[in-house]
Amino acid sequence: MIRVILPVHLRTLAHSGKEVRVEVPAPVTQRGVLDAVEREFPMLVGTIRDRETGRRRPLVRFFACEEDLSNESPDTPLPDRVVRGEEPFMVVGAMAGG
């Protein structure tokens, strides 16, 4: 099971706690994790990624193992510690401004 941390506004929409767990087939990638989250919580479809293009929404960032994965290819395998469930994959609502 992959652990996923959601920001407060998405937890509210999903009626979930801070962390959700999803089953993701190998290889575990950002795309696979987000597909599983959207399958489990269909109310989140279009909130993290654009419905048409599948690209990350502006001001949404992805982190794992203290690394910003937001600009990585969505098909790059996630770190082993995330795959083993030792570390979560984090969806973070970024802030803009000065």
PDB file of N, CA and C in Angstrom:
ATOM      1  N   MET A   1       0.835  -1.187   0.000  1.00  0.00           N
ATOM      2  CA  MET A   1       0.000   0.000   0.000  1.00  0.00           C
ATOM      3  C   MET A   1       0.876   1.244   0.000  1.00  0.00           C
ATOM      4  N   ILE A   2       0.463   2.196  -0.792  1.00  0.00           N
ATOM      5  CA  ILE A   2       1.180   3.465  -0.876  1.00  0.00           C
ATOM      6  C   ILE A   2       0.469   4.474   0.019  1.00  0.00           C
ATOM      7  N   ARG A   3       1.245   5.144   0.838  1.00  0.00           N
ATOM      8  CA  ARG A   3       0.706   6.176   1.724  1.00  0.00           C
ATOM      9  C   ARG A   3       0.732   7.509   0.999  1.00  0.00           C
ATOM     10  N   VAL A   4      -0.396   8.220   1.035  1.00  0.00           N
ATOM     11  CA  VAL A   4      -0.502   9.513   0.356  1.00  0.00           C
ATOM     12  C   VAL A   4      -1.018  10.542   1.356  1.00  0.00           C
ATOM     13  N   ILE A   5      -0.301  11.642   1.503  1.00  0.00           N
ATOM     14  CA  ILE A   5      -0.718  12.750   2.357  1.00  0.00           C
ATOM     15  C   ILE A   5      -1.404  13.780   1.461  1.00  0.00           C
ATOM     16  N   LEU A   6      -2.614  14.170   1.838  1.00  0.00           N
ATOM     17  CA  LEU A   6      -3.377  15.160   1.069  1.00  0.00           C
ATOM     18  C   LEU A   6      -3.447  16.481   1.837  1.00  0.00           C
ATOM     19  N   PRO A   7      -3.494  17.610   1.107  1.00  0.00           N
ATOM     20  CA  PRO A   7      -3.674  18.892   1.793  1.00  0.00           C
ATOM     21  C   PRO A   7      -5.106  19.017   2.324  1.00  0.00           C
ATOM     22  N   VAL A   8      -5.293  19.919   3.247  1.00  0.00           N
ATOM     23  CA  VAL A   8      -6.573  20.052   3.956  1.00  0.00           C
ATOM     24  C   VAL A   8      -7.756  20.202   3.009  1.00  0.00           C
ATOM     25  N   HIS A   9      -7.661  21.049   2.003  1.00  0.00           N
ATOM     26  CA  HIS A   9      -8.818  21.268   1.130  1.00  0.00           C
ATOM     27  C   HIS A   9      -9.211  20.006   0.362  1.00  0.00           C
ATOM     28  N   LEU A  10      -8.236  19.162   0.004  1.00  0.00           N
ATOM     29  CA  LEU A  10      -8.569  17.911  -0.679  1.00  0.00           C
ATOM     30  C   LEU A  10      -9.089  16.869   0.300  1.00  0.00           C
ATOM     31  N   ARG A  11      -8.600  16.879   1.533  1.00  0.00           N
ATOM     32  CA  ARG A  11      -9.153  15.983   2.567  1.00  0.00           C
ATOM     33  C   ARG A  11     -10.623  16.278   2.790  1.00  0.00           C
ATOM     34  N   THR A  12     -10.955  17.560   2.798  1.00  0.00           N
ATOM     35  CA  THR A  12     -12.348  17.965   3.003  1.00  0.00           C
ATOM     36  C   THR A  12     -13.220  17.422   1.877  1.00  0.00           C
ATOM     37  N   LEU A  13     -12.777  17.581   0.635  1.00  0.00           N
ATOM     38  CA  LEU A  13     -13.536  17.072  -0.510  1.00  0.00           C
ATOM     39  C   LEU A  13     -13.674  15.551  -0.468  1.00  0.00           C
ATOM     40  N   ALA A  14     -12.605  14.879  -0.079  1.00  0.00           N
ATOM     41  CA  ALA A  14     -12.575  13.412  -0.078  1.00  0.00           C
ATOM     42  C   ALA A  14     -13.192  12.804   1.182  1.00  0.00           C
ATOM     43  N   HIS A  15     -13.507  13.653   2.175  1.00  0.00           N
ATOM     44  CA  HIS A  15     -14.007  13.149   3.472  1.00  0.00           C
ATOM     45  C   HIS A  15     -13.039  12.102   4.017  1.00  0.00           C
ATOM     46  N   SER A  16     -11.759  12.469   4.035  1.00  0.00           N
ATOM     47  CA  SER A  16     -10.725  11.537   4.477  1.00  0.00           C
ATOM     48  C   SER A  16      -9.885  12.168   5.576  1.00  0.00           C
ATOM     49  N   GLY A  17      -9.016  11.369   6.120  1.00  0.00           N
ATOM     50  CA  GLY A  17      -8.042  11.871   7.069  1.00  0.00           C
ATOM     51  C   GLY A  17      -6.852  12.440   6.331  1.00  0.00           C
ATOM     52  N   LYS A  18      -5.832  12.807   7.074  1.00  0.00           N
ATOM     53  CA  LYS A  18      -4.623  13.405   6.499  1.00  0.00           C
ATOM     54  C   LYS A  18      -3.933  12.451   5.529  1.00  0.00           C
ATOM     55  N   GLU A  19      -3.917  11.171   5.878  1.00  0.00           N
ATOM     56  CA  GLU A  19      -3.238  10.173   5.057  1.00  0.00           C
ATOM     57  C   GLU A  19      -4.242   9.166   4.523  1.00  0.00           C
ATOM     58  N   VAL A  20      -4.124   8.866   3.234  1.00  0.00           N
ATOM     59  CA  VAL A  20      -4.917   7.793   2.627  1.00  0.00           C
ATOM     60  C   VAL A  20      -3.940   6.739   2.123  1.00  0.00           C
ATOM     61  N   ARG A  21      -4.432   5.548   1.941  1.00  0.00           N
ATOM     62  CA  ARG A  21      -3.596   4.456   1.424  1.00  0.00           C
ATOM     63  C   ARG A  21      -4.257   3.887   0.182  1.00  0.00           C
ATOM     64  N   VAL A  22      -3.450   3.698  -0.844  1.00  0.00           N
ATOM     65  CA  VAL A  22      -3.967   3.170  -2.103  1.00  0.00           C
ATOM     66  C   VAL A  22      -3.078   2.039  -2.598  1.00  0.00           C
ATOM     67  N   GLU A  23      -3.692   1.122  -3.299  1.00  0.00           N
ATOM     68  CA  GLU A  23      -2.980   0.008  -3.921  1.00  0.00           C
ATOM     69  C   GLU A  23      -2.557   0.445  -5.320  1.00  0.00           C
ATOM     70  N   VAL A  24      -1.274   0.305  -5.616  1.00  0.00           N
ATOM     71  CA  VAL A  24      -0.740   0.730  -6.903  1.00  0.00           C
ATOM     72  C   VAL A  24       0.100  -0.414  -7.474  1.00  0.00           C
ATOM     73  N   PRO A  25      -0.213  -0.850  -8.700  1.00  0.00           N
ATOM     74  CA  PRO A  25       0.604  -1.921  -9.302  1.00  0.00           C
ATOM     75  C   PRO A  25       1.995  -1.400  -9.676  1.00  0.00           C
ATOM     76  N   ALA A  26       2.955  -2.297  -9.710  1.00  0.00           N
ATOM     77  CA  ALA A  26       4.324  -1.938 -10.100  1.00  0.00           C
ATOM     78  C   ALA A  26       4.366  -1.666 -11.598  1.00  0.00           C
ATOM     79  N   PRO A  27       5.220  -0.778 -12.028  1.00  0.00           N
ATOM     80  CA  PRO A  27       6.087   0.093 -11.254  1.00  0.00           C
ATOM     81  C   PRO A  27       5.288   1.249 -10.656  1.00  0.00           C
ATOM     82  N   VAL A  28       5.604   1.616  -9.430  1.00  0.00           N
ATOM     83  CA  VAL A  28       4.881   2.683  -8.732  1.00  0.00           C
ATOM     84  C   VAL A  28       5.426   4.033  -9.196  1.00  0.00           C
ATOM     85  N   THR A  29       4.555   4.802  -9.833  1.00  0.00           N
ATOM     86  CA  THR A  29       4.919   6.107 -10.379  1.00  0.00           C
ATOM     87  C   THR A  29       3.936   7.151  -9.862  1.00  0.00           C
ATOM     88  N   GLN A  30       4.259   8.430 -10.097  1.00  0.00           N
ATOM     89  CA  GLN A  30       3.312   9.501  -9.748  1.00  0.00           C
ATOM     90  C   GLN A  30       1.976   9.250 -10.437  1.00  0.00           C
ATOM     91  N   ARG A  31       2.017   8.930 -11.726  1.00  0.00           N
ATOM     92  CA  ARG A  31       0.784   8.702 -12.477  1.00  0.00           C
ATOM     93  C   ARG A  31      -0.028   7.565 -11.856  1.00  0.00           C
ATOM     94  N   GLY A  32       0.638   6.474 -11.504  1.00  0.00           N
ATOM     95  CA  GLY A  32      -0.051   5.335 -10.903  1.00  0.00           C
ATOM     96  C   GLY A  32      -0.679   5.687  -9.564  1.00  0.00           C
ATOM     97  N   VAL A  33       0.049   6.439  -8.743  1.00  0.00           N
ATOM     98  CA  VAL A  33      -0.472   6.841  -7.430  1.00  0.00           C
ATOM     99  C   VAL A  33      -1.680   7.764  -7.603  1.00  0.00           C
ATOM    100  N   LEU A  34      -1.558   8.755  -8.477  1.00  0.00           N
ATOM    101  CA  LEU A  34      -2.666   9.695  -8.664  1.00  0.00           C
ATOM    102  C   LEU A  34      -3.872   9.016  -9.314  1.00  0.00           C
ATOM    103  N   ASP A  35      -3.629   8.081 -10.234  1.00  0.00           N
ATOM    104  CA  ASP A  35      -4.745   7.302 -10.802  1.00  0.00           C
ATOM    105  C   ASP A  35      -5.477   6.552  -9.697  1.00  0.00           C
ATOM    106  N   ALA A  36      -4.721   5.928  -8.785  1.00  0.00           N
ATOM    107  CA  ALA A  36      -5.332   5.161  -7.697  1.00  0.00           C
ATOM    108  C   ALA A  36      -6.094   6.070  -6.737  1.00  0.00           C
ATOM    109  N   VAL A  37      -5.539   7.234  -6.423  1.00  0.00           N
ATOM    110  CA  VAL A  37      -6.223   8.189  -5.540  1.00  0.00           C
ATOM    111  C   VAL A  37      -7.542   8.627  -6.180  1.00  0.00           C
ATOM    112  N   GLU A  38      -7.502   8.933  -7.472  1.00  0.00           N
ATOM    113  CA  GLU A  38      -8.724   9.383  -8.157  1.00  0.00           C
ATOM    114  C   GLU A  38      -9.751   8.257  -8.304  1.00  0.00           C
ATOM    115  N   ARG A  39      -9.289   7.018  -8.415  1.00  0.00           N
ATOM    116  CA  ARG A  39     -10.223   5.875  -8.439  1.00  0.00           C
ATOM    117  C   ARG A  39     -10.912   5.716  -7.085  1.00  0.00           C
ATOM    118  N   GLU A  40     -10.121   5.826  -6.030  1.00  0.00           N
ATOM    119  CA  GLU A  40     -10.643   5.649  -4.666  1.00  0.00           C
ATOM    120  C   GLU A  40     -11.491   6.836  -4.228  1.00  0.00           C
ATOM    121  N   PHE A  41     -11.126   8.025  -4.691  1.00  0.00           N
ATOM    122  CA  PHE A  41     -11.810   9.262  -4.313  1.00  0.00           C
ATOM    123  C   PHE A  41     -12.176  10.041  -5.581  1.00  0.00           C
ATOM    124  N   PRO A  42     -13.222   9.600  -6.294  1.00  0.00           N
ATOM    125  CA  PRO A  42     -13.554  10.222  -7.586  1.00  0.00           C
ATOM    126  C   PRO A  42     -13.879  11.708  -7.492  1.00  0.00           C
ATOM    127  N   MET A  43     -14.227  12.192  -6.318  1.00  0.00           N
ATOM    128  CA  MET A  43     -14.492  13.621  -6.174  1.00  0.00           C
ATOM    129  C   MET A  43     -13.228  14.457  -6.333  1.00  0.00           C
ATOM    130  N   LEU A  44     -12.064  13.811  -6.332  1.00  0.00           N
ATOM    131  CA  LEU A  44     -10.802  14.531  -6.503  1.00  0.00           C
ATOM    132  C   LEU A  44     -10.354  14.612  -7.964  1.00  0.00           C
ATOM    133  N   VAL A  45     -11.073  13.940  -8.858  1.00  0.00           N
ATOM    134  CA  VAL A  45     -10.707  13.998 -10.280  1.00  0.00           C
ATOM    135  C   VAL A  45     -10.753  15.452 -10.741  1.00  0.00           C
ATOM    136  N   GLY A  46      -9.671  15.906 -11.323  1.00  0.00           N
ATOM    137  CA  GLY A  46      -9.579  17.275 -11.819  1.00  0.00           C
ATOM    138  C   GLY A  46      -9.057  18.278 -10.807  1.00  0.00           C
ATOM    139  N   THR A  47      -8.869  17.869  -9.572  1.00  0.00           N
ATOM    140  CA  THR A  47      -8.386  18.804  -8.557  1.00  0.00           C
ATOM    141  C   THR A  47      -6.860  18.809  -8.448  1.00  0.00           C
ATOM    142  N   ILE A  48      -6.241  17.677  -8.725  1.00  0.00           N
ATOM    143  CA  ILE A  48      -4.786  17.545  -8.625  1.00  0.00           C
ATOM    144  C   ILE A  48      -4.161  17.669 -10.018  1.00  0.00           C
ATOM    145  N   ARG A  49      -4.839  17.082 -10.993  1.00  0.00           N
ATOM    146  CA  ARG A  49      -4.373  17.097 -12.389  1.00  0.00           C
ATOM    147  C   ARG A  49      -5.504  17.597 -13.277  1.00  0.00           C
ATOM    148  N   ASP A  50      -5.128  18.222 -14.366  1.00  0.00           N
ATOM    149  CA  ASP A  50      -6.105  18.667 -15.353  1.00  0.00           C
ATOM    150  C   ASP A  50      -6.801  17.442 -15.951  1.00  0.00           C
ATOM    151  N   ARG A  51      -8.125  17.497 -16.057  1.00  0.00           N
ATOM    152  CA  ARG A  51      -8.894  16.356 -16.589  1.00  0.00           C
ATOM    153  C   ARG A  51      -8.512  16.011 -18.020  1.00  0.00           C
ATOM    154  N   GLU A  52      -8.233  17.009 -18.827  1.00  0.00           N
ATOM    155  CA  GLU A  52      -7.961  16.782 -20.251  1.00  0.00           C
ATOM    156  C   GLU A  52      -6.520  16.348 -20.514  1.00  0.00           C
ATOM    157  N   THR A  53      -5.576  17.048 -19.916  1.00  0.00           N
ATOM    158  CA  THR A  53      -4.171  16.794 -20.228  1.00  0.00           C
ATOM    159  C   THR A  53      -3.488  15.848 -19.249  1.00  0.00           C
ATOM    160  N   GLY A  54      -4.028  15.712 -18.047  1.00  0.00           N
ATOM    161  CA  GLY A  54      -3.388  14.897 -17.017  1.00  0.00           C
ATOM    162  C   GLY A  54      -2.192  15.571 -16.369  1.00  0.00           C
ATOM    163  N   ARG A  55      -1.954  16.829 -16.714  1.00  0.00           N
ATOM    164  CA  ARG A  55      -0.815  17.554 -16.140  1.00  0.00           C
ATOM    165  C   ARG A  55      -1.150  18.100 -14.755  1.00  0.00           C
ATOM    166  N   ARG A  56      -0.127  18.199 -13.932  1.00  0.00           N
ATOM    167  CA  ARG A  56      -0.272  18.730 -12.578  1.00  0.00           C
ATOM    168  C   ARG A  56      -0.863  20.129 -12.636  1.00  0.00           C
ATOM    169  N   ARG A  57      -1.800  20.385 -11.736  1.00  0.00           N
ATOM    170  CA  ARG A  57      -2.404  21.718 -11.652  1.00  0.00           C
ATOM    171  C   ARG A  57      -1.375  22.720 -11.122  1.00  0.00           C
ATOM    172  N   PRO A  58      -1.486  23.996 -11.553  1.00  0.00           N
ATOM    173  CA  PRO A  58      -0.603  25.019 -10.972  1.00  0.00           C
ATOM    174  C   PRO A  58      -0.821  25.085  -9.454  1.00  0.00           C
ATOM    175  N   LEU A  59       0.209  25.385  -8.738  1.00  0.00           N
ATOM    176  CA  LEU A  59       0.178  25.523  -7.279  1.00  0.00           C
ATOM    177  C   LEU A  59      -0.079  24.212  -6.544  1.00  0.00           C
ATOM    178  N   VAL A  60       0.105  23.094  -7.229  1.00  0.00           N
ATOM    179  CA  VAL A  60       0.092  21.781  -6.581  1.00  0.00           C
ATOM    180  C   VAL A  60       1.485  21.206  -6.769  1.00  0.00           C
ATOM    181  N   ARG A  61       2.069  20.721  -5.695  1.00  0.00           N
ATOM    182  CA  ARG A  61       3.423  20.157  -5.732  1.00  0.00           C
ATOM    183  C   ARG A  61       3.394  18.738  -5.185  1.00  0.00           C
ATOM    184  N   PHE A  62       4.362  17.920  -5.619  1.00  0.00           N
ATOM    185  CA  PHE A  62       4.488  16.540  -5.160  1.00  0.00           C
ATOM    186  C   PHE A  62       5.852  16.365  -4.495  1.00  0.00           C
ATOM    187  N   PHE A  63       5.861  15.750  -3.317  1.00  0.00           N
ATOM    188  CA  PHE A  63       7.087  15.497  -2.580  1.00  0.00           C
ATOM    189  C   PHE A  63       7.129  14.052  -2.108  1.00  0.00           C
ATOM    190  N   ALA A  64       8.342  13.518  -2.014  1.00  0.00           N
ATOM    191  CA  ALA A  64       8.575  12.202  -1.413  1.00  0.00           C
ATOM    192  C   ALA A  64      10.019  12.161  -0.952  1.00  0.00           C
ATOM    193  N   CYS A  65      10.232  11.602   0.214  1.00  0.00           N
ATOM    194  CA  CYS A  65      11.583  11.459   0.764  1.00  0.00           C
ATOM    195  C   CYS A  65      12.341  12.779   0.742  1.00  0.00           C
ATOM    196  N   GLU A  66      11.656  13.853   1.132  1.00  0.00           N
ATOM    197  CA  GLU A  66      12.222  15.190   1.231  1.00  0.00           C
ATOM    198  C   GLU A  66      12.703  15.750  -0.108  1.00  0.00           C
ATOM    199  N   GLU A  67      12.164  15.234  -1.207  1.00  0.00           N
ATOM    200  CA  GLU A  67      12.521  15.737  -2.532  1.00  0.00           C
ATOM    201  C   GLU A  67      11.275  16.238  -3.244  1.00  0.00           C
ATOM    202  N   ASP A  68      11.427  17.344  -3.966  1.00  0.00           N
ATOM    203  CA  ASP A  68      10.345  17.885  -4.775  1.00  0.00           C
ATOM    204  C   ASP A  68      10.318  17.119  -6.098  1.00  0.00           C
ATOM    205  N   LEU A  69       9.258  16.371  -6.316  1.00  0.00           N
ATOM    206  CA  LEU A  69       9.121  15.559  -7.528  1.00  0.00           C
ATOM    207  C   LEU A  69       8.185  16.204  -8.541  1.00  0.00           C
ATOM    208  N   SER A  70       7.785  17.430  -8.291  1.00  0.00           N
ATOM    209  CA  SER A  70       6.763  18.087  -9.099  1.00  0.00           C
ATOM    210  C   SER A  70       7.111  18.187 -10.578  1.00  0.00           C
ATOM    211  N   ASN A  71       8.371  18.366 -10.894  1.00  0.00           N
ATOM    212  CA  ASN A  71       8.762  18.531 -12.293  1.00  0.00           C
ATOM    213  C   ASN A  71       9.336  17.267 -12.913  1.00  0.00           C
ATOM    214  N   GLU A  72       9.294  16.171 -12.159  1.00  0.00           N
ATOM    215  CA  GLU A  72       9.732  14.879 -12.700  1.00  0.00           C
ATOM    216  C   GLU A  72       8.665  14.340 -13.650  1.00  0.00           C
ATOM    217  N   SER A  73       9.060  13.465 -14.533  1.00  0.00           N
ATOM    218  CA  SER A  73       8.087  12.807 -15.408  1.00  0.00           C
ATOM    219  C   SER A  73       7.104  12.021 -14.543  1.00  0.00           C
ATOM    220  N   PRO A  74       5.803  12.063 -14.866  1.00  0.00           N
ATOM    221  CA  PRO A  74       4.833  11.301 -14.070  1.00  0.00           C
ATOM    222  C   PRO A  74       5.022   9.795 -14.176  1.00  0.00           C
ATOM    223  N   ASP A  75       5.866   9.350 -15.103  1.00  0.00           N
ATOM    224  CA  ASP A  75       6.105   7.916 -15.265  1.00  0.00           C
ATOM    225  C   ASP A  75       7.430   7.450 -14.686  1.00  0.00           C
ATOM    226  N   THR A  76       8.131   8.343 -13.987  1.00  0.00           N
ATOM    227  CA  THR A  76       9.369   7.962 -13.307  1.00  0.00           C
ATOM    228  C   THR A  76       9.009   7.181 -12.049  1.00  0.00           C
ATOM    229  N   PRO A  77       9.646   6.029 -11.821  1.00  0.00           N
ATOM    230  CA  PRO A  77       9.355   5.269 -10.596  1.00  0.00           C
ATOM    231  C   PRO A  77       9.643   6.104  -9.344  1.00  0.00           C
ATOM    232  N   LEU A  78       8.773   5.955  -8.344  1.00  0.00           N
ATOM    233  CA  LEU A  78       8.952   6.664  -7.080  1.00  0.00           C
ATOM    234  C   LEU A  78      10.033   5.981  -6.245  1.00  0.00           C
ATOM    235  N   PRO A  79      10.601   6.697  -5.273  1.00  0.00           N
ATOM    236  CA  PRO A  79      11.651   6.116  -4.429  1.00  0.00           C
ATOM    237  C   PRO A  79      11.195   4.832  -3.726  1.00  0.00           C
ATOM    238  N   ASP A  80      12.135   3.920  -3.515  1.00  0.00           N
ATOM    239  CA  ASP A  80      11.835   2.629  -2.886  1.00  0.00           C
ATOM    240  C   ASP A  80      11.166   2.783  -1.530  1.00  0.00           C
ATOM    241  N   ARG A  81      11.556   3.795  -0.764  1.00  0.00           N
ATOM    242  CA  ARG A  81      10.961   3.978   0.571  1.00  0.00           C
ATOM    243  C   ARG A  81       9.471   4.279   0.469  1.00  0.00           C
ATOM    244  N   VAL A  82       9.037   4.946  -0.596  1.00  0.00           N
ATOM    245  CA  VAL A  82       7.609   5.196  -0.822  1.00  0.00           C
ATOM    246  C   VAL A  82       6.932   3.892  -1.225  1.00  0.00           C
ATOM    247  N   VAL A  83       7.567   3.139  -2.102  1.00  0.00           N
ATOM    248  CA  VAL A  83       7.010   1.873  -2.579  1.00  0.00           C
ATOM    249  C   VAL A  83       6.825   0.892  -1.422  1.00  0.00           C
ATOM    250  N   ARG A  84       7.776   0.887  -0.488  1.00  0.00           N
ATOM    251  CA  ARG A  84       7.692  -0.022   0.670  1.00  0.00           C
ATOM    252  C   ARG A  84       6.757   0.495   1.762  1.00  0.00           C
ATOM    253  N   GLY A  85       6.231   1.713   1.613  1.00  0.00           N
ATOM    254  CA  GLY A  85       5.334   2.276   2.611  1.00  0.00           C
ATOM    255  C   GLY A  85       6.034   2.910   3.791  1.00  0.00           C
ATOM    256  N   GLU A  86       7.347   3.081   3.711  1.00  0.00           N
ATOM    257  CA  GLU A  86       8.105   3.693   4.802  1.00  0.00           C
ATOM    258  C   GLU A  86       7.953   5.212   4.810  1.00  0.00           C
ATOM    259  N   GLU A  87       7.757   5.795   3.638  1.00  0.00           N
ATOM    260  CA  GLU A  87       7.601   7.241   3.490  1.00  0.00           C
ATOM    261  C   GLU A  87       6.345   7.509   2.666  1.00  0.00           C
ATOM    262  N   PRO A  88       5.652   8.618   2.933  1.00  0.00           N
ATOM    263  CA  PRO A  88       4.462   8.936   2.133  1.00  0.00           C
ATOM    264  C   PRO A  88       4.812   9.709   0.864  1.00  0.00           C
ATOM    265  N   PHE A  89       3.909   9.651  -0.087  1.00  0.00           N
ATOM    266  CA  PHE A  89       3.911  10.527  -1.254  1.00  0.00           C
ATOM    267  C   PHE A  89       3.026  11.689  -0.845  1.00  0.00           C
ATOM    268  N   MET A  90       3.537  12.916  -0.930  1.00  0.00           N
ATOM    269  CA  MET A  90       2.790  14.072  -0.435  1.00  0.00           C
ATOM    270  C   MET A  90       2.310  14.963  -1.576  1.00  0.00           C
ATOM    271  N   VAL A  91       1.031  15.291  -1.533  1.00  0.00           N
ATOM    272  CA  VAL A  91       0.438  16.273  -2.432  1.00  0.00           C
ATOM    273  C   VAL A  91       0.324  17.538  -1.606  1.00  0.00           C
ATOM    274  N   VAL A  92       0.964  18.615  -2.066  1.00  0.00           N
ATOM    275  CA  VAL A  92       1.033  19.840  -1.282  1.00  0.00           C
ATOM    276  C   VAL A  92       0.443  20.994  -2.085  1.00  0.00           C
ATOM    277  N   GLY A  93      -0.417  21.750  -1.447  1.00  0.00           N
ATOM    278  CA  GLY A  93      -0.937  22.977  -2.058  1.00  0.00           C
ATOM    279  C   GLY A  93       0.094  24.065  -1.859  1.00  0.00           C
ATOM    280  N   ALA A  94       0.696  24.526  -2.944  1.00  0.00           N
ATOM    281  CA  ALA A  94       1.745  25.551  -2.866  1.00  0.00           C
ATOM    282  C   ALA A  94       1.100  26.933  -2.733  1.00  0.00           C
ATOM    283  N   MET A  95       1.898  27.887  -2.291  1.00  0.00           N
ATOM    284  CA  MET A  95       1.433  29.262  -2.163  1.00  0.00           C
ATOM    285  C   MET A  95       2.235  30.144  -3.112  1.00  0.00           C
ATOM    286  N   ALA A  96       1.575  31.149  -3.625  1.00  0.00           N
ATOM    287  CA  ALA A  96       2.253  32.089  -4.508  1.00  0.00           C
ATOM    288  C   ALA A  96       2.269  33.462  -3.853  1.00  0.00           C
ATOM    289  N   GLY A  97       3.151  34.261  -4.313  1.00  0.00           N
ATOM    290  CA  GLY A  97       3.194  35.620  -3.777  1.00  0.00           C
ATOM    291  C   GLY A  97       4.551  35.929  -3.190  1.00  0.00           C
ATOM    292  N   GLY A  98       4.699  37.151  -2.782  1.00  0.00           N
ATOM    293  CA  GLY A  98       5.995  37.587  -2.349  1.00  0.00           C
ATOM    294  C   GLY A  98       6.111  37.757  -0.891  1.00  0.00           C
TER     295      GLY A  98
END
